[in-house]
């Protein structure tokens, strides 16, 4: 799965019970995580409806990429 503006969907076929969607949401820090979660939730709902899936009680988790720690792999030795 990748983080993209269009979203990335991963699920098991029929019935659709558990799934993950990832989105890149660009927003100002002033808008807060709630706004990013609402935007992603709207995108997820639109995607699911477009695929013909019903849904309820969507939950979002937000990660601010500006505060995310990135573990770089050490360069390979030759």
PDB file of N, CA and C in Angstrom:
ATOM      1  N   UNK A   1       0.837  -1.173   0.000  1.00  0.00           N
ATOM      2  CA  UNK A   1       0.000   0.000   0.000  1.00  0.00           C
ATOM      3  C   UNK A   1       0.881   1.235   0.000  1.00  0.00           C
ATOM      4  N   UNK A   2       0.401   2.233  -0.710  1.00  0.00           N
ATOM      5  CA  UNK A   2       1.137   3.495  -0.785  1.00  0.00           C
ATOM      6  C   UNK A   2       0.236   4.630  -0.323  1.00  0.00           C
ATOM      7  N   UNK A   3       0.865   5.700   0.106  1.00  0.00           N
ATOM      8  CA  UNK A   3       0.127   6.916   0.414  1.00  0.00           C
ATOM      9  C   UNK A   3       0.105   7.769  -0.845  1.00  0.00           C
ATOM     10  N   UNK A   4      -1.085   8.038  -1.373  1.00  0.00           N
ATOM     11  CA  UNK A   4      -1.245   8.888  -2.547  1.00  0.00           C
ATOM     12  C   UNK A   4      -2.456   9.773  -2.347  1.00  0.00           C
ATOM     13  N   UNK A   5      -2.580  10.822  -3.158  1.00  0.00           N
ATOM     14  CA  UNK A   5      -3.766  11.679  -3.069  1.00  0.00           C
ATOM     15  C   UNK A   5      -5.005  10.918  -3.502  1.00  0.00           C
ATOM     16  N   UNK A   6      -4.861  10.010  -4.487  1.00  0.00           N
ATOM     17  CA  UNK A   6      -6.003   9.239  -4.978  1.00  0.00           C
ATOM     18  C   UNK A   6      -6.406   8.149  -4.001  1.00  0.00           C
ATOM     19  N   UNK A   7      -5.470   7.733  -3.166  1.00  0.00           N
ATOM     20  CA  UNK A   7      -5.743   6.700  -2.182  1.00  0.00           C
ATOM     21  C   UNK A   7      -5.279   5.334  -2.639  1.00  0.00           C
ATOM     22  N   UNK A   8      -5.115   4.460  -1.690  1.00  0.00           N
ATOM     23  CA  UNK A   8      -4.703   3.089  -1.926  1.00  0.00           C
ATOM     24  C   UNK A   8      -5.618   2.210  -1.075  1.00  0.00           C
ATOM     25  N   UNK A   9      -6.234   1.216  -1.695  1.00  0.00           N
ATOM     26  CA  UNK A   9      -7.220   0.379  -1.006  1.00  0.00           C
ATOM     27  C   UNK A   9      -6.738  -1.060  -0.954  1.00  0.00           C
ATOM     28  N   UNK A  10      -6.847  -1.665   0.225  1.00  0.00           N
ATOM     29  CA  UNK A  10      -6.493  -3.062   0.415  1.00  0.00           C
ATOM     30  C   UNK A  10      -7.628  -3.724   1.177  1.00  0.00           C
ATOM     31  N   UNK A  11      -8.147  -4.857   0.654  1.00  0.00           N
ATOM     32  CA  UNK A  11      -9.252  -5.530   1.328  1.00  0.00           C
ATOM     33  C   UNK A  11      -9.362  -6.969   0.876  1.00  0.00           C
ATOM     34  N   UNK A  12     -10.117  -7.745   1.650  1.00  0.00           N
ATOM     35  CA  UNK A  12     -10.434  -9.116   1.273  1.00  0.00           C
ATOM     36  C   UNK A  12     -11.807  -9.102   0.620  1.00  0.00           C
ATOM     37  N   UNK A  13     -11.947  -9.881  -0.427  1.00  0.00           N
ATOM     38  CA  UNK A  13     -13.178  -9.876  -1.208  1.00  0.00           C
ATOM     39  C   UNK A  13     -14.317 -10.533  -0.434  1.00  0.00           C
ATOM     40  N   UNK A  14     -15.466 -10.010  -0.560  1.00  0.00           N
ATOM     41  CA  UNK A  14     -16.782 -10.478  -0.157  1.00  0.00           C
ATOM     42  C   UNK A  14     -16.828 -11.275   1.144  1.00  0.00           C
ATOM     43  N   UNK A  15     -17.518 -10.858   2.113  1.00  0.00           N
ATOM     44  CA  UNK A  15     -18.060  -9.507   2.211  1.00  0.00           C
ATOM     45  C   UNK A  15     -16.976  -8.549   2.691  1.00  0.00           C
ATOM     46  N   UNK A  16     -17.073  -7.314   2.253  1.00  0.00           N
ATOM     47  CA  UNK A  16     -16.099  -6.301   2.645  1.00  0.00           C
ATOM     48  C   UNK A  16     -16.362  -5.899   4.090  1.00  0.00           C
ATOM     49  N   UNK A  17     -15.537  -6.409   5.002  1.00  0.00           N
ATOM     50  CA  UNK A  17     -15.700  -6.094   6.423  1.00  0.00           C
ATOM     51  C   UNK A  17     -14.527  -5.288   6.954  1.00  0.00           C
ATOM     52  N   UNK A  18     -13.321  -5.711   6.607  1.00  0.00           N
ATOM     53  CA  UNK A  18     -12.124  -5.053   7.111  1.00  0.00           C
ATOM     54  C   UNK A  18     -11.282  -4.607   5.927  1.00  0.00           C
ATOM     55  N   UNK A  19     -10.869  -3.371   5.960  1.00  0.00           N
ATOM     56  CA  UNK A  19     -10.065  -2.852   4.861  1.00  0.00           C
ATOM     57  C   UNK A  19      -9.229  -1.688   5.359  1.00  0.00           C
ATOM     58  N   UNK A  20      -8.252  -1.309   4.575  1.00  0.00           N
ATOM     59  CA  UNK A  20      -7.412  -0.148   4.871  1.00  0.00           C
ATOM     60  C   UNK A  20      -7.348   0.723   3.632  1.00  0.00           C
ATOM     61  N   UNK A  21      -7.389   2.004   3.843  1.00  0.00           N
ATOM     62  CA  UNK A  21      -7.195   2.967   2.771  1.00  0.00           C
ATOM     63  C   UNK A  21      -6.180   3.978   3.267  1.00  0.00           C
ATOM     64  N   UNK A  22      -5.296   4.396   2.386  1.00  0.00           N
ATOM     65  CA  UNK A  22      -4.294   5.388   2.754  1.00  0.00           C
ATOM     66  C   UNK A  22      -4.375   6.552   1.788  1.00  0.00           C
ATOM     67  N   UNK A  23      -4.314   7.750   2.340  1.00  0.00           N
ATOM     68  CA  UNK A  23      -4.361   8.974   1.551  1.00  0.00           C
ATOM     69  C   UNK A  23      -3.289   9.938   2.014  1.00  0.00           C
ATOM     70  N   UNK A  24      -2.799  10.727   1.082  1.00  0.00           N
ATOM     71  CA  UNK A  24      -1.987  11.882   1.409  1.00  0.00           C
ATOM     72  C   UNK A  24      -2.943  13.061   1.457  1.00  0.00           C
ATOM     73  N   UNK A  25      -2.995  13.729   2.583  1.00  0.00           N
ATOM     74  CA  UNK A  25      -3.828  14.923   2.740  1.00  0.00           C
ATOM     75  C   UNK A  25      -2.890  16.059   3.119  1.00  0.00           C
ATOM     76  N   UNK A  26      -2.784  17.041   2.254  1.00  0.00           N
ATOM     77  CA  UNK A  26      -1.924  18.189   2.518  1.00  0.00           C
ATOM     78  C   UNK A  26      -2.786  19.278   3.150  1.00  0.00           C
ATOM     79  N   UNK A  27      -2.397  19.700   4.349  1.00  0.00           N
ATOM     80  CA  UNK A  27      -3.155  20.736   5.038  1.00  0.00           C
ATOM     81  C   UNK A  27      -2.221  21.549   5.916  1.00  0.00           C
ATOM     82  N   UNK A  28      -2.700  22.688   6.348  1.00  0.00           N
ATOM     83  CA  UNK A  28      -1.936  23.523   7.272  1.00  0.00           C
ATOM     84  C   UNK A  28      -2.002  22.922   8.667  1.00  0.00           C
ATOM     85  N   UNK A  29      -0.932  23.084   9.413  1.00  0.00           N
ATOM     86  CA  UNK A  29      -0.907  22.579  10.782  1.00  0.00           C
ATOM     87  C   UNK A  29      -2.021  23.214  11.608  1.00  0.00           C
ATOM     88  N   UNK A  30      -2.399  24.427  11.255  1.00  0.00           N
ATOM     89  CA  UNK A  30      -3.463  25.129  11.981  1.00  0.00           C
ATOM     90  C   UNK A  30      -4.805  24.419  11.854  1.00  0.00           C
ATOM     91  N   UNK A  31      -5.007  23.689  10.738  1.00  0.00           N
ATOM     92  CA  UNK A  31      -6.273  22.977  10.526  1.00  0.00           C
ATOM     93  C   UNK A  31      -6.421  21.789  11.461  1.00  0.00           C
ATOM     94  N   UNK A  32      -5.317  21.258  11.936  1.00  0.00           N
ATOM     95  CA  UNK A  32      -5.348  20.155  12.887  1.00  0.00           C
ATOM     96  C   UNK A  32      -5.592  18.800  12.228  1.00  0.00           C
ATOM     97  N   UNK A  33      -5.358  17.771  13.015  1.00  0.00           N
ATOM     98  CA  UNK A  33      -5.517  16.399  12.541  1.00  0.00           C
ATOM     99  C   UNK A  33      -6.973  16.058  12.256  1.00  0.00           C
ATOM    100  N   UNK A  34      -7.889  16.707  12.957  1.00  0.00           N
ATOM    101  CA  UNK A  34      -9.317  16.426  12.747  1.00  0.00           C
ATOM    102  C   UNK A  34      -9.733  16.753  11.321  1.00  0.00           C
ATOM    103  N   UNK A  35      -9.215  17.870  10.795  1.00  0.00           N
ATOM    104  CA  UNK A  35      -9.559  18.258   9.429  1.00  0.00           C
ATOM    105  C   UNK A  35      -8.984  17.258   8.437  1.00  0.00           C
ATOM    106  N   UNK A  36      -7.744  16.837   8.631  1.00  0.00           N
ATOM    107  CA  UNK A  36      -7.137  15.846   7.740  1.00  0.00           C
ATOM    108  C   UNK A  36      -7.916  14.540   7.782  1.00  0.00           C
ATOM    109  N   UNK A  37      -8.343  14.131   8.967  1.00  0.00           N
ATOM    110  CA  UNK A  37      -9.127  12.891   9.110  1.00  0.00           C
ATOM    111  C   UNK A  37     -10.473  13.030   8.408  1.00  0.00           C
ATOM    112  N   UNK A  38     -11.099  14.197   8.497  1.00  0.00           N
ATOM    113  CA  UNK A  38     -12.394  14.416   7.832  1.00  0.00           C
ATOM    114  C   UNK A  38     -12.240  14.375   6.314  1.00  0.00           C
ATOM    115  N   UNK A  39     -11.183  14.988   5.802  1.00  0.00           N
ATOM    116  CA  UNK A  39     -10.940  14.977   4.358  1.00  0.00           C
ATOM    117  C   UNK A  39     -10.711  13.548   3.874  1.00  0.00           C
ATOM    118  N   UNK A  40      -9.859  12.809   4.583  1.00  0.00           N
ATOM    119  CA  UNK A  40      -9.589  11.416   4.204  1.00  0.00           C
ATOM    120  C   UNK A  40     -10.857  10.574   4.300  1.00  0.00           C
ATOM    121  N   UNK A  41     -11.661  10.792   5.327  1.00  0.00           N
ATOM    122  CA  UNK A  41     -12.919  10.057   5.470  1.00  0.00           C
ATOM    123  C   UNK A  41     -13.868  10.313   4.316  1.00  0.00           C
ATOM    124  N   UNK A  42     -13.952  11.562   3.878  1.00  0.00           N
ATOM    125  CA  UNK A  42     -14.784  11.888   2.717  1.00  0.00           C
ATOM    126  C   UNK A  42     -14.280  11.197   1.454  1.00  0.00           C
ATOM    127  N   UNK A  43     -12.970  11.201   1.268  1.00  0.00           N
ATOM    128  CA  UNK A  43     -12.394  10.523   0.096  1.00  0.00           C
ATOM    129  C   UNK A  43     -12.670   9.025   0.142  1.00  0.00           C
ATOM    130  N   UNK A  44     -12.527   8.437   1.320  1.00  0.00           N
ATOM    131  CA  UNK A  44     -12.771   6.998   1.470  1.00  0.00           C
ATOM    132  C   UNK A  44     -14.231   6.670   1.154  1.00  0.00           C
ATOM    133  N   UNK A  45     -15.150   7.469   1.674  1.00  0.00           N
ATOM    134  CA  UNK A  45     -16.567   7.248   1.399  1.00  0.00           C
ATOM    135  C   UNK A  45     -16.879   7.336  -0.085  1.00  0.00           C
ATOM    136  N   UNK A  46     -16.302   8.324  -0.747  1.00  0.00           N
ATOM    137  CA  UNK A  46     -16.505   8.474  -2.192  1.00  0.00           C
ATOM    138  C   UNK A  46     -15.963   7.266  -2.951  1.00  0.00           C
ATOM    139  N   UNK A  47     -14.779   6.804  -2.566  1.00  0.00           N
ATOM    140  CA  UNK A  47     -14.177   5.637  -3.229  1.00  0.00           C
ATOM    141  C   UNK A  47     -15.029   4.394  -3.021  1.00  0.00           C
ATOM    142  N   UNK A  48     -15.456   4.152  -1.792  1.00  0.00           N
ATOM    143  CA  UNK A  48     -16.259   2.965  -1.495  1.00  0.00           C
ATOM    144  C   UNK A  48     -17.589   2.990  -2.235  1.00  0.00           C
ATOM    145  N   UNK A  49     -18.255   4.145  -2.252  1.00  0.00           N
ATOM    146  CA  UNK A  49     -19.517   4.255  -3.002  1.00  0.00           C
ATOM    147  C   UNK A  49     -19.281   4.012  -4.487  1.00  0.00           C
ATOM    148  N   UNK A  50     -18.171   4.543  -5.020  1.00  0.00           N
ATOM    149  CA  UNK A  50     -17.832   4.347  -6.424  1.00  0.00           C
ATOM    150  C   UNK A  50     -17.601   2.885  -6.781  1.00  0.00           C
ATOM    151  N   UNK A  51     -17.133   2.117  -5.808  1.00  0.00           N
ATOM    152  CA  UNK A  51     -16.909   0.683  -6.022  1.00  0.00           C
ATOM    153  C   UNK A  51     -18.160  -0.148  -5.731  1.00  0.00           C
ATOM    154  N   UNK A  52     -19.228   0.526  -5.293  1.00  0.00           N
ATOM    155  CA  UNK A  52     -20.478  -0.179  -5.007  1.00  0.00           C
ATOM    156  C   UNK A  52     -20.532  -0.829  -3.642  1.00  0.00           C
ATOM    157  N   UNK A  53     -19.671  -0.395  -2.713  1.00  0.00           N
ATOM    158  CA  UNK A  53     -19.651  -0.962  -1.366  1.00  0.00           C
ATOM    159  C   UNK A  53     -20.395  -0.054  -0.400  1.00  0.00           C
ATOM    160  N   UNK A  54     -21.216  -0.636   0.448  1.00  0.00           N
ATOM    161  CA  UNK A  54     -21.815   0.106   1.540  1.00  0.00           C
ATOM    162  C   UNK A  54     -20.813   0.170   2.679  1.00  0.00           C
ATOM    163  N   UNK A  55     -21.039   1.088   3.603  1.00  0.00           N
ATOM    164  CA  UNK A  55     -20.129   1.203   4.735  1.00  0.00           C
ATOM    165  C   UNK A  55     -20.818   1.965   5.852  1.00  0.00           C
ATOM    166  N   UNK A  56     -20.207   1.883   7.032  1.00  0.00           N
ATOM    167  CA  UNK A  56     -20.648   2.678   8.174  1.00  0.00           C
ATOM    168  C   UNK A  56     -19.488   2.771   9.154  1.00  0.00           C
ATOM    169  N   UNK A  57     -19.548   3.739  10.012  1.00  0.00           N
ATOM    170  CA  UNK A  57     -18.584   3.891  11.112  1.00  0.00           C
ATOM    171  C   UNK A  57     -17.126   3.863  10.658  1.00  0.00           C
ATOM    172  N   UNK A  58     -16.794   4.656   9.636  1.00  0.00           N
ATOM    173  CA  UNK A  58     -15.396   4.734   9.213  1.00  0.00           C
ATOM    174  C   UNK A  58     -14.562   5.401  10.301  1.00  0.00           C
ATOM    175  N   UNK A  59     -13.353   4.901  10.514  1.00  0.00           N
ATOM    176  CA  UNK A  59     -12.426   5.477  11.494  1.00  0.00           C
ATOM    177  C   UNK A  59     -11.153   5.877  10.773  1.00  0.00           C
ATOM    178  N   UNK A  60     -10.544   6.939  11.233  1.00  0.00           N
ATOM    179  CA  UNK A  60      -9.311   7.425  10.621  1.00  0.00           C
ATOM    180  C   UNK A  60      -8.210   7.544  11.655  1.00  0.00           C
ATOM    181  N   UNK A  61      -7.001   7.313  11.192  1.00  0.00           N
ATOM    182  CA  UNK A  61      -5.798   7.563  11.970  1.00  0.00           C
ATOM    183  C   UNK A  61      -4.939   8.504  11.157  1.00  0.00           C
ATOM    184  N   UNK A  62      -4.459   9.563  11.785  1.00  0.00           N
ATOM    185  CA  UNK A  62      -3.695  10.583  11.077  1.00  0.00           C
ATOM    186  C   UNK A  62      -2.258  10.563  11.573  1.00  0.00           C
ATOM    187  N   UNK A  63      -1.321  10.647  10.634  1.00  0.00           N
ATOM    188  CA  UNK A  63       0.092  10.749  10.963  1.00  0.00           C
ATOM    189  C   UNK A  63       0.645  11.985  10.274  1.00  0.00           C
ATOM    190  N   UNK A  64       1.167  12.922  11.052  1.00  0.00           N
ATOM    191  CA  UNK A  64       1.795  14.113  10.481  1.00  0.00           C
ATOM    192  C   UNK A  64       3.180  13.761   9.979  1.00  0.00           C
ATOM    193  N   UNK A  65       3.388  13.861   8.671  1.00  0.00           N
ATOM    194  CA  UNK A  65       4.670  13.467   8.098  1.00  0.00           C
ATOM    195  C   UNK A  65       5.809  14.387   8.527  1.00  0.00           C
ATOM    196  N   UNK A  66       5.483  15.618   8.924  1.00  0.00           N
ATOM    197  CA  UNK A  66       6.537  16.521   9.366  1.00  0.00           C
ATOM    198  C   UNK A  66       7.087  16.138  10.739  1.00  0.00           C
ATOM    199  N   UNK A  67       6.365  15.323  11.485  1.00  0.00           N
ATOM    200  CA  UNK A  67       6.846  14.877  12.796  1.00  0.00           C
ATOM    201  C   UNK A  67       7.215  13.394  12.811  1.00  0.00           C
ATOM    202  N   UNK A  68       7.062  12.729  11.660  1.00  0.00           N
ATOM    203  CA  UNK A  68       7.337  11.292  11.583  1.00  0.00           C
ATOM    204  C   UNK A  68       8.841  11.037  11.566  1.00  0.00           C
ATOM    205  N   UNK A  69       9.280  10.074  12.358  1.00  0.00           N
ATOM    206  CA  UNK A  69      10.687   9.678  12.373  1.00  0.00           C
ATOM    207  C   UNK A  69      10.909   8.673  11.247  1.00  0.00           C
ATOM    208  N   UNK A  70      11.941   8.909  10.455  1.00  0.00           N
ATOM    209  CA  UNK A  70      12.269   8.010   9.344  1.00  0.00           C
ATOM    210  C   UNK A  70      13.558   7.287   9.682  1.00  0.00           C
ATOM    211  N   UNK A  71      13.504   5.974   9.670  1.00  0.00           N
ATOM    212  CA  UNK A  71      14.697   5.160   9.920  1.00  0.00           C
ATOM    213  C   UNK A  71      15.333   4.810   8.584  1.00  0.00           C
ATOM    214  N   UNK A  72      16.456   5.438   8.317  1.00  0.00           N
ATOM    215  CA  UNK A  72      17.177   5.173   7.067  1.00  0.00           C
ATOM    216  C   UNK A  72      18.045   3.930   7.228  1.00  0.00           C
ATOM    217  N   UNK A  73      18.061   3.094   6.205  1.00  0.00           N
ATOM    218  CA  UNK A  73      18.925   1.918   6.218  1.00  0.00           C
ATOM    219  C   UNK A  73      20.363   2.369   5.919  1.00  0.00           C
ATOM    220  N   UNK A  74      21.319   1.787   6.609  1.00  0.00           N
ATOM    221  CA  UNK A  74      22.713   2.156   6.336  1.00  0.00           C
ATOM    222  C   UNK A  74      23.108   1.719   4.929  1.00  0.00           C
ATOM    223  N   UNK A  75      23.988   2.475   4.335  1.00  0.00           N
ATOM    224  CA  UNK A  75      24.477   2.143   2.988  1.00  0.00           C
ATOM    225  C   UNK A  75      25.182   0.791   3.008  1.00  0.00           C
ATOM    226  N   UNK A  76      24.997   0.025   1.951  1.00  0.00           N
ATOM    227  CA  UNK A  76      25.638  -1.285   1.892  1.00  0.00           C
ATOM    228  C   UNK A  76      27.141  -1.123   1.729  1.00  0.00           C
ATOM    229  N   UNK A  77      27.856  -2.025   2.341  1.00  0.00           N
ATOM    230  CA  UNK A  77      29.335  -1.981   2.263  1.00  0.00           C
ATOM    231  C   UNK A  77      29.799  -2.866   1.128  1.00  0.00           C
ATOM    232  N   UNK A  78      30.795  -2.403   0.443  1.00  0.00           N
ATOM    233  CA  UNK A  78      31.361  -3.199  -0.668  1.00  0.00           C
ATOM    234  C   UNK A  78      32.770  -3.563  -0.387  1.00  0.00           C
TER     235      UNK A  78
END
